[in-house]
PDB file of N, CA and C in Angstrom:
ATOM      1  N   MET A   1     117.957  89.324  81.014  1.00  0.00           N
ATOM      2  CA  MET A   1     116.556  89.068  80.781  1.00  0.00           C
ATOM      3  C   MET A   1     116.404  87.795  79.972  1.00  0.00           C
ATOM      4  N   GLU A   2     115.388  87.061  80.302  1.00  0.00           N
ATOM      5  CA  GLU A   2     115.037  85.881  79.516  1.00  0.00           C
ATOM      6  C   GLU A   2     113.765  86.222  78.744  1.00  0.00           C
ATOM      7  N   ILE A   3     113.842  86.059  77.435  1.00  0.00           N
ATOM      8  CA  ILE A   3     112.725  86.367  76.548  1.00  0.00           C
ATOM      9  C   ILE A   3     112.213  85.064  75.944  1.00  0.00           C
ATOM     10  N   ASP A   4     110.902  84.872  75.969  1.00  0.00           N
ATOM     11  CA  ASP A   4     110.286  83.699  75.358  1.00  0.00           C
ATOM     12  C   ASP A   4     109.162  84.175  74.451  1.00  0.00           C
ATOM     13  N   ARG A   5     109.296  83.895  73.167  1.00  0.00           N
ATOM     14  CA  ARG A   5     108.301  84.293  72.166  1.00  0.00           C
ATOM     15  C   ARG A   5     107.994  85.785  72.220  1.00  0.00           C
ATOM     16  N   GLY A   6     109.035  86.558  72.376  1.00  0.00           N
ATOM     17  CA  GLY A   6     108.897  88.013  72.385  1.00  0.00           C
ATOM     18  C   GLY A   6     108.457  88.612  73.707  1.00  0.00           C
ATOM     19  N   GLN A   7     108.270  87.807  74.739  1.00  0.00           N
ATOM     20  CA  GLN A   7     107.839  88.295  76.043  1.00  0.00           C
ATOM     21  C   GLN A   7     108.914  88.031  77.093  1.00  0.00           C
ATOM     22  N   MET A   8     109.168  89.012  77.939  1.00  0.00           N
ATOM     23  CA  MET A   8     110.112  88.808  79.027  1.00  0.00           C
ATOM     24  C   MET A   8     109.467  87.879  80.060  1.00  0.00           C
ATOM     25  N   VAL A   9     110.193  86.845  80.453  1.00  0.00           N
ATOM     26  CA  VAL A   9     109.669  85.904  81.440  1.00  0.00           C
ATOM     27  C   VAL A   9     110.445  85.950  82.752  1.00  0.00           C
ATOM     28  N   SER A  10     111.659  86.470  82.721  1.00  0.00           N
ATOM     29  CA  SER A  10     112.432  86.634  83.946  1.00  0.00           C
ATOM     30  C   SER A  10     113.534  87.660  83.711  1.00  0.00           C
ATOM     31  N   PHE A  11     114.083  88.169  84.814  1.00  0.00           N
ATOM     32  CA  PHE A  11     115.151  89.161  84.703  1.00  0.00           C
ATOM     33  C   PHE A  11     115.959  89.205  85.996  1.00  0.00           C
ATOM     34  N   VAL A  12     117.153  89.784  85.877  1.00  0.00           N
ATOM     35  CA  VAL A  12     117.988  90.115  87.029  1.00  0.00           C
ATOM     36  C   VAL A  12     118.652  91.447  86.719  1.00  0.00           C
ATOM     37  N   ILE A  13     118.527  92.387  87.637  1.00  0.00           N
ATOM     38  CA  ILE A  13     119.234  93.671  87.546  1.00  0.00           C
ATOM     39  C   ILE A  13     119.966  93.845  88.864  1.00  0.00           C
ATOM     40  N   ARG A  14     121.266  94.097  88.778  1.00  0.00           N
ATOM     41  CA  ARG A  14     122.083  94.256  89.977  1.00  0.00           C
ATOM     42  C   ARG A  14     122.677  95.654  90.039  1.00  0.00           C
ATOM     43  N   TYR A  15     122.796  96.148  91.250  1.00  0.00           N
ATOM     44  CA  TYR A  15     123.571  97.359  91.485  1.00  0.00           C
ATOM     45  C   TYR A  15     124.833  96.911  92.203  1.00  0.00           C
ATOM     46  N   ASP A  16     125.971  97.025  91.530  1.00  0.00           N
ATOM     47  CA  ASP A  16     127.268  96.688  92.098  1.00  0.00           C
ATOM     48  C   ASP A  16     128.081  97.961  92.265  1.00  0.00           C
ATOM     49  N   GLY A  17     128.843  98.048  93.328  1.00  0.00           N
ATOM     50  CA  GLY A  17     129.714  99.185  93.561  1.00  0.00           C
ATOM     51  C   GLY A  17     131.160  98.736  93.680  1.00  0.00           C
ATOM     52  N   PHE A  18     132.066  99.552  93.170  1.00  0.00           N
ATOM     53  CA  PHE A  18     133.494  99.265  93.282  1.00  0.00           C
ATOM     54  C   PHE A  18     133.978  99.841  94.595  1.00  0.00           C
ATOM     55  N   ILE A  19     134.219  98.975  95.571  1.00  0.00           N
ATOM     56  CA  ILE A  19     134.559  99.384  96.931  1.00  0.00           C
ATOM     57  C   ILE A  19     135.792  98.618  97.382  1.00  0.00           C
ATOM     58  N   ASP A  20     136.759  99.329  97.903  1.00  0.00           N
ATOM     59  CA  ASP A  20     137.999  98.718  98.404  1.00  0.00           C
ATOM     60  C   ASP A  20     138.659  97.821  97.360  1.00  0.00           C
ATOM     61  N   GLY A  21     138.687  98.287  96.121  1.00  0.00           N
ATOM     62  CA  GLY A  21     139.402  97.585  95.065  1.00  0.00           C
ATOM     63  C   GLY A  21     138.703  96.387  94.460  1.00  0.00           C
ATOM     64  N   ARG A  22     137.415  96.209  94.785  1.00  0.00           N
ATOM     65  CA  ARG A  22     136.695  95.093  94.167  1.00  0.00           C
ATOM     66  C   ARG A  22     135.216  95.435  94.004  1.00  0.00           C
ATOM     67  N   TRP A  23     134.562  94.739  93.086  1.00  0.00           N
ATOM     68  CA  TRP A  23     133.138  94.931  92.852  1.00  0.00           C
ATOM     69  C   TRP A  23     132.341  94.190  93.910  1.00  0.00           C
ATOM     70  N   ARG A  24     131.370  94.899  94.492  1.00  0.00           N
ATOM     71  CA  ARG A  24     130.521  94.311  95.526  1.00  0.00           C
ATOM     72  C   ARG A  24     129.056  94.500  95.153  1.00  0.00           C
ATOM     73  N   ASN A  25     128.290  93.459  95.325  1.00  0.00           N
ATOM     74  CA  ASN A  25     126.862  93.503  95.025  1.00  0.00           C
ATOM     75  C   ASN A  25     126.135  94.206  96.164  1.00  0.00           C
ATOM     76  N   ILE A  26     125.398  95.265  95.839  1.00  0.00           N
ATOM     77  CA  ILE A  26     124.702  96.065  96.843  1.00  0.00           C
ATOM     78  C   ILE A  26     123.194  95.809  96.828  1.00  0.00           C
ATOM     79  N   ALA A  27     122.606  95.677  95.646  1.00  0.00           N
ATOM     80  CA  ALA A  27     121.167  95.422  95.541  1.00  0.00           C
ATOM     81  C   ALA A  27     120.882  94.536  94.333  1.00  0.00           C
ATOM     82  N   VAL A  28     119.811  93.749  94.443  1.00  0.00           N
ATOM     83  CA  VAL A  28     119.405  92.851  93.361  1.00  0.00           C
ATOM     84  C   VAL A  28     117.899  92.981  93.156  1.00  0.00           C
ATOM     85  N   PHE A  29     117.504  93.150  91.916  1.00  0.00           N
ATOM     86  CA  PHE A  29     116.103  93.123  91.507  1.00  0.00           C
ATOM     87  C   PHE A  29     115.984  91.924  90.592  1.00  0.00           C
ATOM     88  N   ASP A  30     115.047  91.003  90.886  1.00  0.00           N
ATOM     89  CA  ASP A  30     114.959  89.797  90.052  1.00  0.00           C
ATOM     90  C   ASP A  30     113.609  89.111  90.183  1.00  0.00           C
ATOM     91  N   THR A  31     113.482  88.007  89.452  1.00  0.00           N
ATOM     92  CA  THR A  31     112.282  87.181  89.507  1.00  0.00           C
ATOM     93  C   THR A  31     112.606  85.778  90.015  1.00  0.00           C
ATOM     94  N   HIS A  32     113.747  85.608  90.634  1.00  0.00           N
ATOM     95  CA  HIS A  32     114.121  84.300  91.175  1.00  0.00           C
ATOM     96  C   HIS A  32     113.060  83.858  92.184  1.00  0.00           C
ATOM     97  N   GLY A  33     112.568  82.673  92.042  1.00  0.00           N
ATOM     98  CA  GLY A  33     111.517  82.186  92.921  1.00  0.00           C
ATOM     99  C   GLY A  33     110.124  82.446  92.380  1.00  0.00           C
ATOM    100  N   GLY A  34     110.033  83.028  91.177  1.00  0.00           N
ATOM    101  CA  GLY A  34     108.743  83.142  90.511  1.00  0.00           C
ATOM    102  C   GLY A  34     108.050  84.481  90.539  1.00  0.00           C
ATOM    103  N   SER A  35     108.464  85.402  91.409  1.00  0.00           N
ATOM    104  CA  SER A  35     107.800  86.708  91.435  1.00  0.00           C
ATOM    105  C   SER A  35     108.844  87.825  91.490  1.00  0.00           C
ATOM    106  N   ALA A  36     108.467  88.984  90.979  1.00  0.00           N
ATOM    107  CA  ALA A  36     109.376  90.133  90.962  1.00  0.00           C
ATOM    108  C   ALA A  36     109.564  90.666  92.380  1.00  0.00           C
ATOM    109  N   HIS A  37     110.811  90.901  92.744  1.00  0.00           N
ATOM    110  CA  HIS A  37     111.147  91.427  94.066  1.00  0.00           C
ATOM    111  C   HIS A  37     112.553  92.034  94.013  1.00  0.00           C
ATOM    112  N   TRP A  38     112.933  92.655  95.106  1.00  0.00           N
ATOM    113  CA  TRP A  38     114.308  93.163  95.218  1.00  0.00           C
ATOM    114  C   TRP A  38     114.762  93.013  96.654  1.00  0.00           C
ATOM    115  N   HIS A  39     116.072  93.072  96.834  1.00  0.00           N
ATOM    116  CA  HIS A  39     116.636  93.042  98.173  1.00  0.00           C
ATOM    117  C   HIS A  39     118.015  93.672  98.165  1.00  0.00           C
ATOM    118  N   LEU A  40     118.357  94.220  99.305  1.00  0.00           N
ATOM    119  CA  LEU A  40     119.710  94.717  99.512  1.00  0.00           C
ATOM    120  C   LEU A  40     120.599  93.530  99.858  1.00  0.00           C
ATOM    121  N   VAL A  41     121.878  93.671  99.615  1.00  0.00           N
ATOM    122  CA  VAL A  41     122.831  92.634  99.980  1.00  0.00           C
ATOM    123  C   VAL A  41     123.700  93.192 101.100  1.00  0.00           C
ATOM    124  N   ASP A  42     123.482  92.685 102.285  1.00  0.00           N
ATOM    125  CA  ASP A  42     124.229  93.122 103.455  1.00  0.00           C
ATOM    126  C   ASP A  42     125.631  92.515 103.391  1.00  0.00           C
ATOM    127  N   PRO A  43     126.687  93.328 103.526  1.00  0.00           N
ATOM    128  CA  PRO A  43     128.040  92.775 103.441  1.00  0.00           C
ATOM    129  C   PRO A  43     128.383  91.824 104.585  1.00  0.00           C
ATOM    130  N   ILE A  44     127.599  91.846 105.638  1.00  0.00           N
ATOM    131  CA  ILE A  44     127.851  90.978 106.780  1.00  0.00           C
ATOM    132  C   ILE A  44     126.925  89.756 106.758  1.00  0.00           C
ATOM    133  N   LEU A  45     125.648  89.993 106.530  1.00  0.00           N
ATOM    134  CA  LEU A  45     124.643  88.931 106.643  1.00  0.00           C
ATOM    135  C   LEU A  45     124.204  88.333 105.308  1.00  0.00           C
ATOM    136  N   GLY A  46     124.586  88.922 104.217  1.00  0.00           N
ATOM    137  CA  GLY A  46     124.121  88.444 102.912  1.00  0.00           C
ATOM    138  C   GLY A  46     122.837  89.126 102.505  1.00  0.00           C
ATOM    139  N   LYS A  47     122.066  88.474 101.669  1.00  0.00           N
ATOM    140  CA  LYS A  47     120.838  89.080 101.153  1.00  0.00           C
ATOM    141  C   LYS A  47     119.835  89.322 102.270  1.00  0.00           C
ATOM    142  N   ARG A  48     119.215  90.493 102.192  1.00  0.00           N
ATOM    143  CA  ARG A  48     118.182  90.859 103.154  1.00  0.00           C
ATOM    144  C   ARG A  48     116.835  90.329 102.690  1.00  0.00           C
ATOM    145  N   GLU A  49     115.816  90.550 103.486  1.00  0.00           N
ATOM    146  CA  GLU A  49     114.459  90.097 103.179  1.00  0.00           C
ATOM    147  C   GLU A  49     113.989  90.654 101.838  1.00  0.00           C
ATOM    148  N   LYS A  50     113.289  89.828 101.080  1.00  0.00           N
ATOM    149  CA  LYS A  50     112.776  90.240  99.776  1.00  0.00           C
ATOM    150  C   LYS A  50     111.696  91.299  99.946  1.00  0.00           C
ATOM    151  N   GLN A  51     111.766  92.307  99.086  1.00  0.00           N
ATOM    152  CA  GLN A  51     110.740  93.337  99.016  1.00  0.00           C
ATOM    153  C   GLN A  51     109.965  93.109  97.722  1.00  0.00           C
ATOM    154  N   PRO A  52     108.679  92.719  97.786  1.00  0.00           N
ATOM    155  CA  PRO A  52     107.935  92.444  96.567  1.00  0.00           C
ATOM    156  C   PRO A  52     107.764  93.690  95.707  1.00  0.00           C
ATOM    157  N   ILE A  53     107.686  93.477  94.408  1.00  0.00           N
ATOM    158  CA  ILE A  53     107.421  94.554  93.454  1.00  0.00           C
ATOM    159  C   ILE A  53     106.100  94.198  92.779  1.00  0.00           C
ATOM    160  N   PRO A  54     105.008  94.848  93.180  1.00  0.00           N
ATOM    161  CA  PRO A  54     103.684  94.478  92.668  1.00  0.00           C
ATOM    162  C   PRO A  54     103.365  95.133  91.317  1.00  0.00           C
ATOM    163  N   LEU A  55     104.216  94.893  90.344  1.00  0.00           N
ATOM    164  CA  LEU A  55     104.030  95.432  88.999  1.00  0.00           C
ATOM    165  C   LEU A  55     104.171  94.306  87.997  1.00  0.00           C
ATOM    166  N   ASP A  56     103.657  94.520  86.776  1.00  0.00           N
ATOM    167  CA  ASP A  56     103.879  93.499  85.755  1.00  0.00           C
ATOM    168  C   ASP A  56     105.317  93.617  85.243  1.00  0.00           C
ATOM    169  N   LEU A  57     105.793  92.590  84.583  1.00  0.00           N
ATOM    170  CA  LEU A  57     107.197  92.544  84.173  1.00  0.00           C
ATOM    171  C   LEU A  57     107.575  93.672  83.226  1.00  0.00           C
ATOM    172  N   LYS A  58     106.625  94.202  82.457  1.00  0.00           N
ATOM    173  CA  LYS A  58     106.934  95.318  81.564  1.00  0.00           C
ATOM    174  C   LYS A  58     107.311  96.571  82.365  1.00  0.00           C
ATOM    175  N   GLN A  59     106.709  96.736  83.525  1.00  0.00           N
ATOM    176  CA  GLN A  59     106.959  97.916  84.351  1.00  0.00           C
ATOM    177  C   GLN A  59     108.103  97.729  85.339  1.00  0.00           C
ATOM    178  N   VAL A  60     108.365  96.495  85.714  1.00  0.00           N
ATOM    179  CA  VAL A  60     109.290  96.245  86.810  1.00  0.00           C
ATOM    180  C   VAL A  60     110.738  96.578  86.458  1.00  0.00           C
ATOM    181  N   VAL A  61     111.143  96.417  85.217  1.00  0.00           N
ATOM    182  CA  VAL A  61     112.523  96.754  84.835  1.00  0.00           C
ATOM    183  C   VAL A  61     112.741  98.261  84.949  1.00  0.00           C
ATOM    184  N   THR A  62     111.765  99.037  84.481  1.00  0.00           N
ATOM    185  CA  THR A  62     111.854 100.492  84.618  1.00  0.00           C
ATOM    186  C   THR A  62     111.877 100.885  86.092  1.00  0.00           C
ATOM    187  N   TYR A  63     111.051 100.241  86.896  1.00  0.00           N
ATOM    188  CA  TYR A  63     111.028 100.494  88.337  1.00  0.00           C
ATOM    189  C   TYR A  63     112.396 100.223  88.955  1.00  0.00           C
ATOM    190  N   ALA A  64     112.994  99.105  88.588  1.00  0.00           N
ATOM    191  CA  ALA A  64     114.299  98.737  89.141  1.00  0.00           C
ATOM    192  C   ALA A  64     115.359  99.775  88.789  1.00  0.00           C
ATOM    193  N   ILE A  65     115.418 100.161  87.531  1.00  0.00           N
ATOM    194  CA  ILE A  65     116.419 101.139  87.096  1.00  0.00           C
ATOM    195  C   ILE A  65     116.183 102.481  87.770  1.00  0.00           C
ATOM    196  N   ASP A  66     114.923 102.920  87.839  1.00  0.00           N
ATOM    197  CA  ASP A  66     114.615 104.197  88.493  1.00  0.00           C
ATOM    198  C   ASP A  66     114.949 104.163  89.982  1.00  0.00           C
ATOM    199  N   THR A  67     114.665 103.050  90.645  1.00  0.00           N
ATOM    200  CA  THR A  67     114.974 102.930  92.073  1.00  0.00           C
ATOM    201  C   THR A  67     116.476 103.023  92.303  1.00  0.00           C
ATOM    202  N   ILE A  68     117.247 102.333  91.496  1.00  0.00           N
ATOM    203  CA  ILE A  68     118.703 102.404  91.638  1.00  0.00           C
ATOM    204  C   ILE A  68     119.186 103.821  91.401  1.00  0.00           C
ATOM    205  N   LYS A  69     118.699 104.473  90.354  1.00  0.00           N
ATOM    206  CA  LYS A  69     119.118 105.853  90.065  1.00  0.00           C
ATOM    207  C   LYS A  69     118.812 106.790  91.232  1.00  0.00           C
ATOM    208  N   HIS A  70     117.613 106.664  91.811  1.00  0.00           N
ATOM    209  CA  HIS A  70     117.195 107.596  92.854  1.00  0.00           C
ATOM    210  C   HIS A  70     117.725 107.247  94.245  1.00  0.00           C
ATOM    211  N   GLU A  71     118.036 105.992  94.482  1.00  0.00           N
ATOM    212  CA  GLU A  71     118.479 105.548  95.808  1.00  0.00           C
ATOM    213  C   GLU A  71     119.953 105.149  95.847  1.00  0.00           C
ATOM    214  N   LEU A  72     120.659 105.319  94.753  1.00  0.00           N
ATOM    215  CA  LEU A  72     122.037 104.855  94.620  1.00  0.00           C
ATOM    216  C   LEU A  72     122.934 105.338  95.758  1.00  0.00           C
ATOM    217  N   GLU A  73     122.942 106.618  96.008  1.00  0.00           N
ATOM    218  CA  GLU A  73     123.824 107.158  97.052  1.00  0.00           C
ATOM    219  C   GLU A  73     123.444 106.647  98.436  1.00  0.00           C
ATOM    220  N   GLU A  74     122.145 106.550  98.710  1.00  0.00           N
ATOM    221  CA  GLU A  74     121.708 106.077 100.017  1.00  0.00           C
ATOM    222  C   GLU A  74     122.036 104.591 100.201  1.00  0.00           C
ATOM    223  N   MET A  75     121.815 103.799  99.147  1.00  0.00           N
ATOM    224  CA  MET A  75     122.159 102.374  99.218  1.00  0.00           C
ATOM    225  C   MET A  75     123.653 102.175  99.440  1.00  0.00           C
ATOM    226  N   ARG A  76     124.462 102.919  98.698  1.00  0.00           N
ATOM    227  CA  ARG A  76     125.912 102.789  98.817  1.00  0.00           C
ATOM    228  C   ARG A  76     126.387 103.216 100.211  1.00  0.00           C
ATOM    229  N   ALA A  77     125.847 104.326 100.719  1.00  0.00           N
ATOM    230  CA  ALA A  77     126.238 104.809 102.044  1.00  0.00           C
ATOM    231  C   ALA A  77     125.865 103.782 103.114  1.00  0.00           C
ATOM    232  N   TRP A  78     124.658 103.195 102.997  1.00  0.00           N
ATOM    233  CA  TRP A  78     124.242 102.165 103.944  1.00  0.00           C
ATOM    234  C   TRP A  78     125.193 100.976 103.885  1.00  0.00           C
ATOM    235  N   TYR A  79     125.532 100.534 102.674  1.00  0.00           N
ATOM    236  CA  TYR A  79     126.427  99.398 102.498  1.00  0.00           C
ATOM    237  C   TYR A  79     127.783  99.679 103.153  1.00  0.00           C
ATOM    238  N   LEU A  80     128.315 100.862 102.925  1.00  0.00           N
ATOM    239  CA  LEU A  80     129.615 101.214 103.515  1.00  0.00           C
ATOM    240  C   LEU A  80     129.559 101.253 105.033  1.00  0.00           C
ATOM    241  N   ARG A  81     128.464 101.790 105.587  1.00  0.00           N
ATOM    242  CA  ARG A  81     128.314 101.800 107.052  1.00  0.00           C
ATOM    243  C   ARG A  81     128.259 100.378 107.591  1.00  0.00           C
ATOM    244  N   ARG A  82     127.517  99.498 106.915  1.00  0.00           N
ATOM    245  CA  ARG A  82     127.440  98.100 107.339  1.00  0.00           C
ATOM    246  C   ARG A  82     128.801  97.417 107.217  1.00  0.00           C
ATOM    247  N   LEU A  83     129.509  97.697 106.136  1.00  0.00           N
ATOM    248  CA  LEU A  83     130.808  97.085 105.889  1.00  0.00           C
ATOM    249  C   LEU A  83     131.806  97.444 106.992  1.00  0.00           C
ATOM    250  N   THR A  84     131.739  98.671 107.468  1.00  0.00           N
ATOM    251  CA  THR A  84     132.675  99.123 108.497  1.00  0.00           C
ATOM    252  C   THR A  84     132.154  98.909 109.916  1.00  0.00           C
ATOM    253  N   GLY A  85     130.927  98.372 110.041  1.00  0.00           N
ATOM    254  CA  GLY A  85     130.364  98.112 111.365  1.00  0.00           C
ATOM    255  C   GLY A  85     129.780  99.320 112.042  1.00  0.00           C
ATOM    256  N   HIS A  86     129.541 100.405 111.297  1.00  0.00           N
ATOM    257  CA  HIS A  86     129.003 101.626 111.891  1.00  0.00           C
ATOM    258  C   HIS A  86     127.477 101.720 111.785  1.00  0.00           C
ATOM    259  N   ASP A  87     126.825 100.698 111.304  1.00  0.00           N
ATOM    260  CA  ASP A  87     125.378 100.733 111.158  1.00  0.00           C
ATOM    261  C   ASP A  87     124.829  99.349 111.473  1.00  0.00           C
ATOM    262  N   GLN A  88     123.930  99.288 112.420  1.00  0.00           N
ATOM    263  CA  GLN A  88     123.336  98.009 112.790  1.00  0.00           C
ATOM    264  C   GLN A  88     121.859  97.943 112.365  1.00  0.00           C
ATOM    265  N   GLN A  89     121.388  98.942 111.593  1.00  0.00           N
ATOM    266  CA  GLN A  89     119.980  98.980 111.216  1.00  0.00           C
ATOM    267  C   GLN A  89     119.819  98.676 109.731  1.00  0.00           C
ATOM    268  N   ASN A  90     118.610  98.240 109.387  1.00  0.00           N
ATOM    269  CA  ASN A  90     118.257  98.029 107.995  1.00  0.00           C
ATOM    270  C   ASN A  90     118.008  99.380 107.330  1.00  0.00           C
ATOM    271  N   LEU A  91     118.320  99.479 106.051  1.00  0.00           N
ATOM    272  CA  LEU A  91     118.054 100.700 105.316  1.00  0.00           C
ATOM    273  C   LEU A  91     116.578 100.828 105.012  1.00  0.00           C
ATOM    274  N   PHE A  92     115.956  99.745 104.569  1.00  0.00           N
ATOM    275  CA  PHE A  92     114.532  99.781 104.203  1.00  0.00           C
ATOM    276  C   PHE A  92     113.787  98.738 105.003  1.00  0.00           C
TER     277      PHE A  92
END
């Protein structure tokens, strides 16, 4: 998080999984490009389309953490299917 005069101005939260002996980035929540959004990281194609997060920055960090907690298993399973070539569809 980047804090300016006591206010958060930007952030990055990543969900990484330890898969096949190395850490792999599965999802990213951030403000890169000026607005809060998130995207999955496809092991074949790279980052997927940005999904906007229409919340203020005070709420968006909690949203990101809660989303990872609640979707962790589904995100990881999707990533593994993509990694092995058993899934050709987007998760979200």
